[in-house]
Amino acid sequence: MSTGTVLLLAGALGTDAFSLSLGLGLGGMRRRLAATLVGLIVVFHVILPIVGWWAGELLGRVAGQWAGYVGAAVLFYLGVRMIWESFRDGPVGANGSRAGSFAGLAVLAGSVSMDALSVGFTLGTAGAALLLTAGAIGLVAGLMSAAAFLLAHFVQGWVGRRALLPGGVILISVGIHLLL
C-alpha cells in the first residue's frame, strides 16, 4: 500500500473525528477535556485497525454496529442539549458539549473510531504494513481532531453562544451518520 493511499485512508477515517471535535469545540468543550478526547481518538484509531486485523471482519461488524448505536444516542443527546442551550438566556453553563467523564469521552472517541476496526481486516488482505499504517491512521485522526478544536475556538470567539447551534447540528449529523 503506497504512502498516498495510506494518507487518503487515514484522512477518510479521520473525518468523523473531525466533525465530532468541531461540534464539541463549538459547544465550548474545555481544553483539558478536548486534549483528552484527541488522545483517546488517536489511541482508538491506532488500536482498532490492529484489533480488526486480528479479530476479522465479523467482530468489526458486530462491535461497530453496537458502538455506532451507543455513540449515535450520545451524540443526539449532546446535540439536542447544545441546540437548547443556544437559545437560553444567561451565562453559558454546563452545556451538552461537556461529555464530562473519561468514560463518556471514551464512548465518543470509540464511536467515531469503529470504522477503523473494519478497515483493519482489509489492511491484512491489502498487504499493508500494519503498525505503520495504524500509526498513520491514529496520527492523522488526532491532527484532524486537534485542528477541529482550534477552528471551533476561533469560530466560537466570533459568534459566542450561537456557536452552540451549529455545534449541536453537527453532533446530531454525526450521530445520524453513525446509524447509516
Foldseek 3Di string as FASTA:
>chain_A
DDPVVLLVVLLVLLPLLLLLLLLLLLLPEDPVLLVLLLVLLLVLLLVQLVLLQVVDQVVLVVVLQVLLLVLLVLLLVLLVQLQVQLPDDDDRDPTSSYLDDSVSSNSNSNNSNSVSNNVSNVCNVVVHPRNVSSNSSSVSSSVSSVVSSVVSNVVCVVVPSNSSNVSSVSSNVSSVVSND
